[in-house]
Amino acid sequence: MTNLWIGIGLLTLVAIAIIFWPLLGYRRQAKAEAAGRRQQNIDIFRERLSELENERDQGTLAEAEFATLKLELERNLLIDAEDKPEQPVQRTPVGQPQLVTITLLALMIPAAALGLYNHLGRADDLAVALQMPAPGEGEPSLEQALAALKMQLENDPENPEGWYLLANTHMNTGDYAAGEKAFEQVLKYLPEDAPQYPGVMGQLAQAMYFANNGQMDERIRARIDRTLVLDPYEMAALGLLGIDAYEQQDYAAAIEHWRKALVNAEGAAVEPLKAGISRARDELIAAGQPVPDLPELAEARILLQVSLAPELAEGLDPEHTVFIFARPVGGRMPLAAVKRQVKDLPLEIELNDSLAMTPQARLSSQAEVEVSARVSLSGQPMPQTGDLQGLLSPIATTGGDEPVTLVIDQVVQ
């Protein structure tokens, strides 16, 4: 089971690479990270990994989920730690409309695929069908897993979950025509009243769009129209309509489609949709055309005033580390993280998306968050007995220009 989810996660990365590489034609340069920022990322990685291990050991986190979350943490740490600048390469410039299209397609497709597969279920049956080995017995190659899946579907063709996994495998490896056919098989065996049916319809439209070299035609538009009859807010179909409108320079229509797509968007799909809306808005302003009110694009930021209670400050080493986090209310993964020292207190700081640990976990992904500040006596990001902390919850992420006061006034027991 662990291997199945790790495999799907890796295919998501492959999907992004396949979409970006042919269209952009060059490798993205790695950005140099300051030493302090890299150390902060390492500290937060260790804290999060320790939390996951504790939850696994206590039985509150399944081994499969632990492995997937650990893989994501390690991948993001590697991305953040990369600090060797590459030599400049000659490349063909990519226009803003094309870049918006690339970004939306690259991030929306794997996000939709993972979400729908999770809801379709029968993951345990698929793990057995694919004959995934137990940990320590070696990992199957993509070719082996794909062959096993096809064999399973030959023996059990009325298996929409299997066809769904096969469809996304083809999409993630760039065989869009095969992905289109596999999605058609999903719809053949998935009941039309199933809640996942409109989402699969939308993904079929995406497969048709890719198989048609990124060109909209009447056949694809008809598929989108039928999808939206079943679910007027289906993200994949609306995303495609927005992309087509944007490329036709109908920016107002693009904004309308993408705003509706945001209703059902979650995870990695949210930010590219907002970025597309923002870019279309800029185009309207540049053209002197009316711009719709866009409250969903309000900047996510929290102005925070952090101070230390006087009764706890006596005898405290000014070099002790202060960790400041914003997390989802009741959640675990930091959405923004800052590392300072006691000697910096009191301080005023702005928490925003630039302080995110991963592209998927951003302050703008939440309407409200929990904000904490902690003086670590050991210098470790994991809370220890005797540490000093302060906590505020819930705090709106678009709270305006008035700073929020956070006092470190508690002792961790």
Protein backbone atom coordinates (compact mmCIF):
# COMPACT_ATOMS: atom_id res chain seq x y z
CA MET A 1 0.00 0.00 0.00
CA THR A 2 2.85 2.38 0.88
CA ASN A 3 4.46 1.72 -2.49
CA LEU A 4 1.23 2.44 -4.32
CA TRP A 5 0.91 5.93 -2.83
CA ILE A 6 4.61 6.67 -3.21
CA GLY A 7 4.30 5.64 -6.87
CA ILE A 8 1.35 7.94 -7.42
CA GLY A 9 3.27 10.78 -5.75
CA LEU A 10 6.25 10.23 -8.03
CA LEU A 11 3.99 10.15 -11.08
CA THR A 12 2.67 13.56 -10.03
CA LEU A 13 6.21 14.91 -10.18
CA VAL A 14 6.69 13.26 -13.58
CA ALA A 15 3.51 14.95 -14.81
CA ILE A 16 4.78 18.40 -13.92
CA ALA A 17 8.15 17.69 -15.55
CA ILE A 18 6.55 16.36 -18.74
CA ILE A 19 4.31 19.42 -19.12
CA PHE A 20 6.97 22.01 -18.35
CA TRP A 21 9.98 20.54 -20.20
CA PRO A 22 8.73 20.42 -23.82
CA LEU A 23 7.00 23.81 -23.62
CA LEU A 24 9.60 25.79 -21.76
CA GLY A 25 12.58 24.12 -23.46
CA TYR A 26 15.03 24.78 -20.70
CA ARG A 27 15.81 23.80 -17.12
CA ARG A 28 14.72 26.20 -14.39
CA GLN A 29 17.64 27.79 -12.60
CA ALA A 30 17.97 26.95 -8.91
CA LYS A 31 17.80 29.96 -6.62
CA ALA A 32 20.55 30.50 -4.13
CA GLU A 33 19.35 30.26 -0.54
CA ALA A 34 20.86 32.20 2.32
CA ALA A 35 22.53 30.04 4.96
CA GLY A 36 20.08 31.10 7.65
CA ARG A 37 17.06 30.22 5.52
CA ARG A 38 18.49 26.80 4.67
CA GLN A 39 19.08 26.04 8.35
CA GLN A 40 15.55 27.14 9.16
CA ASN A 41 14.18 24.74 6.56
CA ILE A 42 16.27 21.91 8.03
CA ASP A 43 15.06 22.68 11.55
CA ILE A 44 11.42 22.71 10.49
CA PHE A 45 11.94 19.51 8.49
CA ARG A 46 13.30 17.79 11.60
CA GLU A 47 10.41 19.03 13.72
CA ARG A 48 7.79 17.85 11.24
CA LEU A 49 9.50 14.49 10.74
CA SER A 50 9.69 13.96 14.49
CA GLU A 51 5.97 14.74 14.78
CA LEU A 52 5.15 12.25 12.04
CA GLU A 53 7.28 9.55 13.65
CA ASN A 54 5.59 10.11 17.01
CA GLU A 55 2.15 9.87 15.44
CA ARG A 56 3.12 6.71 13.60
CA ASP A 57 4.54 5.13 16.75
CA GLN A 58 1.39 6.03 18.68
CA GLY A 59 -0.79 4.43 16.03
CA THR A 60 -2.57 7.64 14.97
CA LEU A 61 -0.88 7.74 11.55
CA ALA A 62 -0.93 4.81 9.12
CA GLU A 63 2.37 3.58 7.70
CA ALA A 64 1.25 4.42 4.17
CA GLU A 65 0.39 8.02 5.06
CA PHE A 66 3.65 8.35 7.04
CA ALA A 67 5.73 7.22 4.04
CA THR A 68 3.94 9.59 1.69
CA LEU A 69 4.27 12.60 3.99
CA LYS A 70 7.92 11.79 4.70
CA LEU A 71 8.62 11.60 0.97
CA GLU A 72 7.01 15.01 0.46
CA LEU A 73 9.05 16.53 3.29
CA GLU A 74 12.30 15.10 1.92
CA ARG A 75 11.52 16.27 -1.60
CA ASN A 76 10.78 19.82 -0.45
CA LEU A 77 13.90 19.92 1.70
CA LEU A 78 16.01 18.87 -1.26
CA ILE A 79 14.42 21.55 -3.43
CA ASP A 80 15.01 24.22 -0.78
CA ALA A 81 18.59 23.09 -0.14
CA GLU A 82 19.69 23.19 -3.77
CA ASP A 83 22.14 26.08 -4.01
CA LYS A 84 24.37 25.59 -7.01
CA PRO A 85 23.55 28.15 -9.70
CA GLU A 86 23.56 26.82 -13.23
CA GLN A 87 25.24 28.42 -16.19
CA PRO A 88 22.90 30.56 -18.28
CA VAL A 89 21.47 28.74 -21.28
CA GLN A 90 20.14 30.10 -24.53
CA ARG A 91 16.39 29.71 -24.68
CA THR A 92 13.37 30.94 -26.56
CA PRO A 93 11.40 33.41 -24.45
CA VAL A 94 7.99 32.22 -23.29
CA GLY A 95 5.18 34.75 -23.41
CA GLN A 96 3.00 35.46 -20.38
CA PRO A 97 -0.15 33.87 -21.86
CA GLN A 98 1.72 30.65 -22.60
CA LEU A 99 3.33 30.65 -19.17
CA VAL A 100 -0.07 31.02 -17.48
CA THR A 101 -1.38 28.10 -19.53
CA ILE A 102 1.62 25.92 -18.70
CA THR A 103 1.41 26.63 -14.99
CA LEU A 104 -2.31 25.96 -14.72
CA LEU A 105 -2.18 22.71 -16.64
CA ALA A 106 0.91 21.45 -14.87
CA LEU A 107 -0.50 21.89 -11.38
CA MET A 108 -4.24 21.33 -11.88
CA ILE A 109 -3.99 17.94 -13.58
CA PRO A 110 -2.05 16.01 -10.92
CA ALA A 111 -4.00 17.73 -8.14
CA ALA A 112 -7.32 16.66 -9.67
CA ALA A 113 -6.02 13.16 -10.34
CA LEU A 114 -4.89 12.54 -6.78
CA GLY A 115 -8.07 13.95 -5.29
CA LEU A 116 -10.39 11.88 -7.43
CA TYR A 117 -8.39 8.68 -7.05
CA ASN A 118 -8.52 9.08 -3.29
CA HIS A 119 -12.34 9.31 -3.44
CA LEU A 120 -12.81 6.44 -5.87
CA GLY A 121 -11.53 3.98 -3.27
CA ARG A 122 -10.55 0.30 -3.60
CA ALA A 123 -6.93 1.29 -3.10
CA ASP A 124 -6.29 -1.88 -1.10
CA ASP A 125 -7.64 -4.01 -3.95
CA LEU A 126 -5.38 -2.20 -6.40
CA ALA A 127 -2.34 -2.66 -4.21
CA VAL A 128 -2.96 -6.40 -4.20
CA ALA A 129 -3.71 -6.43 -7.91
CA LEU A 130 -0.47 -4.65 -8.69
CA GLN A 131 1.37 -7.16 -6.50
CA MET A 132 3.23 -4.42 -4.67
CA PRO A 133 6.01 -5.96 -2.57
CA ALA A 134 6.24 -5.41 1.14
CA PRO A 135 8.79 -2.88 2.38
CA GLY A 136 12.30 -4.25 2.06
CA GLU A 137 11.46 -6.57 -0.82
CA GLY A 138 12.37 -4.07 -3.54
CA GLU A 139 10.36 -1.64 -5.59
CA PRO A 140 8.67 -2.46 -8.91
CA SER A 141 9.57 -0.38 -11.92
CA LEU A 142 6.94 1.76 -13.60
CA GLU A 143 6.88 -0.66 -16.53
CA GLN A 144 6.29 -3.62 -14.20
CA ALA A 145 3.52 -1.85 -12.32
CA LEU A 146 1.87 -0.76 -15.56
CA ALA A 147 2.03 -4.30 -16.97
CA ALA A 148 0.54 -5.71 -13.76
CA LEU A 149 -2.25 -3.15 -13.87
CA LYS A 150 -3.09 -3.93 -17.49
CA MET A 151 -3.16 -7.65 -16.70
CA GLN A 152 -5.47 -7.00 -13.78
CA LEU A 153 -7.82 -5.01 -16.03
CA GLU A 154 -7.88 -7.82 -18.57
CA ASN A 155 -9.08 -10.15 -15.81
CA ASP A 156 -11.37 -7.57 -14.20
CA PRO A 157 -12.37 -5.02 -16.86
CA GLU A 158 -15.35 -3.70 -14.88
CA ASN A 159 -13.00 -1.94 -12.48
CA PRO A 160 -13.29 1.87 -12.79
CA GLU A 161 -10.60 2.42 -10.14
CA GLY A 162 -8.09 0.40 -12.12
CA TRP A 163 -8.92 2.21 -15.35
CA TYR A 164 -8.64 5.52 -13.49
CA LEU A 165 -5.14 4.70 -12.27
CA LEU A 166 -4.17 3.53 -15.76
CA ALA A 167 -5.56 6.75 -17.30
CA ASN A 168 -3.53 8.95 -14.99
CA THR A 169 -0.42 6.86 -15.52
CA HIS A 170 -0.73 7.42 -19.27
CA MET A 171 -1.35 11.14 -18.72
CA ASN A 172 1.64 11.46 -16.43
CA THR A 173 3.93 9.74 -18.93
CA GLY A 174 2.70 11.85 -21.84
CA ASP A 175 0.58 9.24 -23.68
CA TYR A 176 -2.50 11.44 -23.82
CA ALA A 177 -4.36 9.44 -26.48
CA ALA A 178 -4.08 6.32 -24.32
CA GLY A 179 -5.12 8.38 -21.30
CA GLU A 180 -8.22 9.52 -23.19
CA LYS A 181 -9.20 5.93 -23.97
CA ALA A 182 -8.65 4.84 -20.38
CA PHE A 183 -10.81 7.69 -19.04
CA GLU A 184 -13.56 6.57 -21.41
CA GLN A 185 -13.37 3.13 -19.81
CA VAL A 186 -13.69 4.70 -16.36
CA LEU A 187 -16.92 6.38 -17.44
CA LYS A 188 -18.14 3.15 -19.01
CA TYR A 189 -18.01 1.31 -15.69
CA LEU A 190 -18.57 4.15 -13.24
CA PRO A 191 -22.28 4.74 -12.44
CA GLU A 192 -23.47 8.06 -13.82
CA ASP A 193 -24.91 9.01 -10.43
CA ALA A 194 -21.54 8.47 -8.72
CA PRO A 195 -20.27 11.72 -7.15
CA GLN A 196 -16.93 11.25 -8.97
CA TYR A 197 -18.52 11.04 -12.42
CA PRO A 198 -18.36 14.78 -13.30
CA GLY A 199 -14.72 14.96 -12.18
CA VAL A 200 -13.75 12.06 -14.41
CA MET A 201 -15.64 13.74 -17.26
CA GLY A 202 -13.57 16.86 -16.70
CA GLN A 203 -10.33 14.87 -16.73
CA LEU A 204 -11.41 13.17 -19.95
CA ALA A 205 -11.82 16.65 -21.47
CA GLN A 206 -8.27 17.46 -20.31
CA ALA A 207 -6.95 14.28 -21.92
CA MET A 208 -8.72 15.16 -25.17
CA TYR A 209 -7.24 18.68 -25.01
CA PHE A 210 -3.71 17.35 -24.63
CA ALA A 211 -4.18 14.67 -27.26
CA ASN A 212 -5.30 17.47 -29.59
CA ASN A 213 -2.00 19.33 -29.07
CA GLY A 214 -3.51 21.83 -26.65
CA GLN A 215 -6.18 23.03 -29.09
CA MET A 216 -9.85 23.42 -28.27
CA ASP A 217 -12.36 22.01 -30.75
CA GLU A 218 -16.10 21.33 -30.84
CA ARG A 219 -15.72 17.75 -29.62
CA ILE A 220 -13.81 18.87 -26.51
CA ARG A 221 -16.17 21.78 -25.92
CA ALA A 222 -19.15 19.42 -26.08
CA ARG A 223 -17.53 17.20 -23.46
CA ILE A 224 -16.94 20.24 -21.24
CA ASP A 225 -20.53 21.40 -21.68
CA ARG A 226 -21.86 18.00 -20.65
CA THR A 227 -19.54 17.99 -17.63
CA LEU A 228 -20.80 21.37 -16.46
CA VAL A 229 -24.42 20.25 -16.78
CA LEU A 230 -23.63 17.60 -14.19
CA ASP A 231 -21.48 19.90 -12.03
CA PRO A 232 -21.41 23.63 -12.85
CA TYR A 233 -18.30 24.04 -10.68
CA GLU A 234 -16.20 21.11 -11.96
CA MET A 235 -12.64 22.36 -11.71
CA ALA A 236 -10.96 20.64 -14.67
CA ALA A 237 -13.63 21.66 -17.19
CA LEU A 238 -13.74 25.26 -15.95
CA GLY A 239 -9.96 25.39 -15.94
CA LEU A 240 -9.87 24.44 -19.59
CA LEU A 241 -12.51 27.02 -20.51
CA GLY A 242 -10.50 29.66 -18.68
CA ILE A 243 -7.31 28.69 -20.50
CA ASP A 244 -9.06 28.82 -23.86
CA ALA A 245 -10.61 32.23 -23.06
CA TYR A 246 -7.25 33.58 -21.90
CA GLU A 247 -5.51 32.46 -25.09
CA GLN A 248 -8.31 34.14 -27.07
CA GLN A 249 -7.58 37.31 -25.03
CA ASP A 250 -11.06 37.22 -23.52
CA TYR A 251 -9.67 37.96 -20.08
CA ALA A 252 -13.00 38.75 -18.41
CA ALA A 253 -14.35 35.33 -19.40
CA ALA A 254 -11.13 33.66 -18.22
CA ILE A 255 -11.53 35.31 -14.81
CA GLU A 256 -15.14 34.16 -14.56
CA HIS A 257 -14.29 30.53 -15.39
CA TRP A 258 -11.32 30.39 -13.01
CA ARG A 259 -13.28 32.03 -10.17
CA LYS A 260 -15.91 29.32 -10.47
CA ALA A 261 -13.17 26.67 -10.61
CA LEU A 262 -11.87 27.92 -7.24
CA VAL A 263 -15.10 26.76 -5.57
CA ASN A 264 -13.99 23.11 -5.75
CA ALA A 265 -10.23 23.66 -6.00
CA GLU A 266 -8.00 22.54 -3.17
CA GLY A 267 -4.35 21.88 -2.45
CA ALA A 268 -1.91 22.56 -5.28
CA ALA A 269 -4.66 23.68 -7.68
CA VAL A 270 -5.61 26.81 -5.73
CA GLU A 271 -2.53 28.98 -6.27
CA PRO A 272 -2.19 28.55 -10.07
CA LEU A 273 -5.87 29.44 -10.48
CA LYS A 274 -5.40 32.57 -8.39
CA ALA A 275 -2.25 33.41 -10.35
CA GLY A 276 -4.17 33.04 -13.61
CA ILE A 277 -6.94 35.31 -12.33
CA SER A 278 -4.38 37.89 -11.25
CA ARG A 279 -2.65 37.80 -14.64
CA ALA A 280 -5.97 38.16 -16.49
CA ARG A 281 -6.84 41.09 -14.24
CA ASP A 282 -3.53 42.76 -15.12
CA GLU A 283 -4.32 42.32 -18.82
CA LEU A 284 -7.70 44.01 -18.37
CA ILE A 285 -6.09 46.93 -16.55
CA ALA A 286 -3.46 47.28 -19.28
CA ALA A 287 -6.19 47.33 -21.92
CA GLY A 288 -8.22 49.94 -20.02
CA GLN A 289 -11.17 47.56 -19.64
CA PRO A 290 -13.46 47.20 -16.59
CA VAL A 291 -12.02 44.96 -13.89
CA PRO A 292 -14.32 42.84 -11.70
CA ASP A 293 -14.02 43.00 -7.93
CA LEU A 294 -11.80 40.11 -6.83
CA PRO A 295 -12.04 39.60 -3.06
CA GLU A 296 -10.50 36.13 -3.39
CA LEU A 297 -7.23 37.75 -4.45
CA ALA A 298 -6.84 39.76 -1.25
CA GLU A 299 -3.25 39.43 -0.15
CA ALA A 300 -2.71 36.88 2.60
CA ARG A 301 -0.61 38.56 5.28
CA ILE A 302 -0.52 38.82 9.05
CA LEU A 303 1.26 41.68 10.79
CA LEU A 304 2.50 40.26 14.05
CA GLN A 305 3.95 41.99 17.11
CA VAL A 306 5.84 39.42 19.20
CA SER A 307 7.00 40.15 22.71
CA LEU A 308 8.18 38.26 25.78
CA ALA A 309 6.38 38.54 29.11
CA PRO A 310 8.69 40.43 31.53
CA GLU A 311 8.32 37.81 34.27
CA LEU A 312 9.77 35.16 31.90
CA ALA A 313 12.61 37.26 30.52
CA GLU A 314 14.81 37.34 33.61
CA GLY A 315 18.00 35.31 33.20
CA LEU A 316 17.10 34.21 29.66
CA ASP A 317 20.01 33.83 27.24
CA PRO A 318 19.62 36.49 24.49
CA GLU A 319 21.01 33.96 22.00
CA HIS A 320 18.16 31.47 22.54
CA THR A 321 16.23 30.70 19.36
CA VAL A 322 12.67 31.94 18.80
CA PHE A 323 10.51 29.99 16.35
CA ILE A 324 7.43 31.70 14.92
CA PHE A 325 4.90 29.57 13.02
CA ALA A 326 1.54 29.93 11.29
CA ARG A 327 -0.34 26.65 10.91
CA PRO A 328 -3.85 25.64 9.83
CA VAL A 329 -6.20 25.69 12.81
CA GLY A 330 -5.82 22.22 14.28
CA GLY A 331 -3.24 21.34 11.62
CA ARG A 332 0.44 20.38 11.70
CA MET A 333 2.30 21.55 8.60
CA PRO A 334 3.65 25.13 8.94
CA LEU A 335 2.26 27.59 6.40
CA ALA A 336 4.80 30.27 7.34
CA ALA A 337 7.92 29.98 9.48
CA VAL A 338 10.39 32.47 10.92
CA LYS A 339 13.48 31.95 13.09
CA ARG A 340 14.79 34.73 15.34
CA GLN A 341 16.57 35.14 18.69
CA VAL A 342 15.47 36.40 22.10
CA LYS A 343 17.59 39.52 21.66
CA ASP A 344 15.39 40.47 18.68
CA LEU A 345 12.30 40.75 20.94
CA PRO A 346 10.06 42.63 20.88
CA LEU A 347 9.73 42.56 17.12
CA GLU A 348 7.18 43.23 14.41
CA ILE A 349 7.10 40.83 11.49
CA GLU A 350 4.89 40.13 8.50
CA LEU A 351 3.86 36.54 7.80
CA ASN A 352 3.04 35.93 4.12
CA ASP A 353 3.41 33.38 1.33
CA SER A 354 7.10 34.17 0.87
CA LEU A 355 7.71 32.34 4.16
CA ALA A 356 6.00 29.12 3.00
CA MET A 357 7.77 25.78 3.43
CA THR A 358 6.22 24.28 0.28
CA PRO A 359 4.24 25.62 -2.71
CA GLN A 360 1.21 23.63 -1.51
CA ALA A 361 1.28 24.83 2.11
CA ARG A 362 0.85 28.60 1.95
CA LEU A 363 -0.79 31.17 4.19
CA SER A 364 -3.15 32.09 1.33
CA SER A 365 -4.57 28.55 1.31
CA GLN A 366 -6.36 29.20 4.63
CA ALA A 367 -8.91 31.80 5.71
CA GLU A 368 -7.82 31.44 9.35
CA VAL A 369 -4.69 30.10 11.01
CA GLU A 370 -3.09 29.44 14.36
CA VAL A 371 -0.04 31.59 15.13
CA SER A 372 2.56 30.63 17.73
CA ALA A 373 5.92 31.88 18.98
CA ARG A 374 8.23 29.75 21.10
CA VAL A 375 11.56 30.33 22.80
CA SER A 376 13.51 27.08 22.43
CA LEU A 377 15.91 26.58 25.33
CA SER A 378 17.55 23.66 23.49
CA GLY A 379 17.64 25.35 20.08
CA GLN A 380 15.54 22.50 18.64
CA PRO A 381 12.29 23.14 16.76
CA MET A 382 10.44 20.40 18.63
CA PRO A 383 8.81 21.72 21.83
CA GLN A 384 10.62 20.70 25.02
CA THR A 385 9.62 20.95 28.67
CA GLY A 386 10.64 24.37 29.94
CA ASP A 387 10.34 26.15 26.58
CA LEU A 388 8.41 29.42 26.58
CA GLN A 389 5.54 29.96 24.17
CA GLY A 390 2.59 32.08 23.13
CA LEU A 391 -0.38 31.10 20.96
CA LEU A 392 -3.18 32.89 19.09
CA SER A 393 -6.05 31.12 17.27
CA PRO A 394 -7.89 31.70 15.05
CA ILE A 395 -6.32 34.61 13.17
CA ALA A 396 -7.65 35.80 9.79
CA THR A 397 -5.05 35.64 7.03
CA THR A 398 -6.37 38.82 5.41
CA GLY A 399 -6.62 40.83 8.60
CA GLY A 400 -5.57 44.17 7.15
CA ASP A 401 -2.90 46.58 8.32
CA GLU A 402 -3.49 46.39 12.07
CA PRO A 403 -0.82 44.26 13.78
CA VAL A 404 -1.80 41.35 16.01
CA THR A 405 -0.12 41.16 19.41
CA LEU A 406 1.37 37.82 20.43
CA VAL A 407 2.92 37.57 23.91
CA ILE A 408 5.16 34.66 24.88
CA ASP A 409 3.76 34.12 28.38
CA GLN A 410 3.48 30.35 28.94
CA VAL A 411 5.91 27.64 30.01
CA VAL A 412 5.73 24.33 28.12
CA GLN A 413 4.95 21.55 30.57
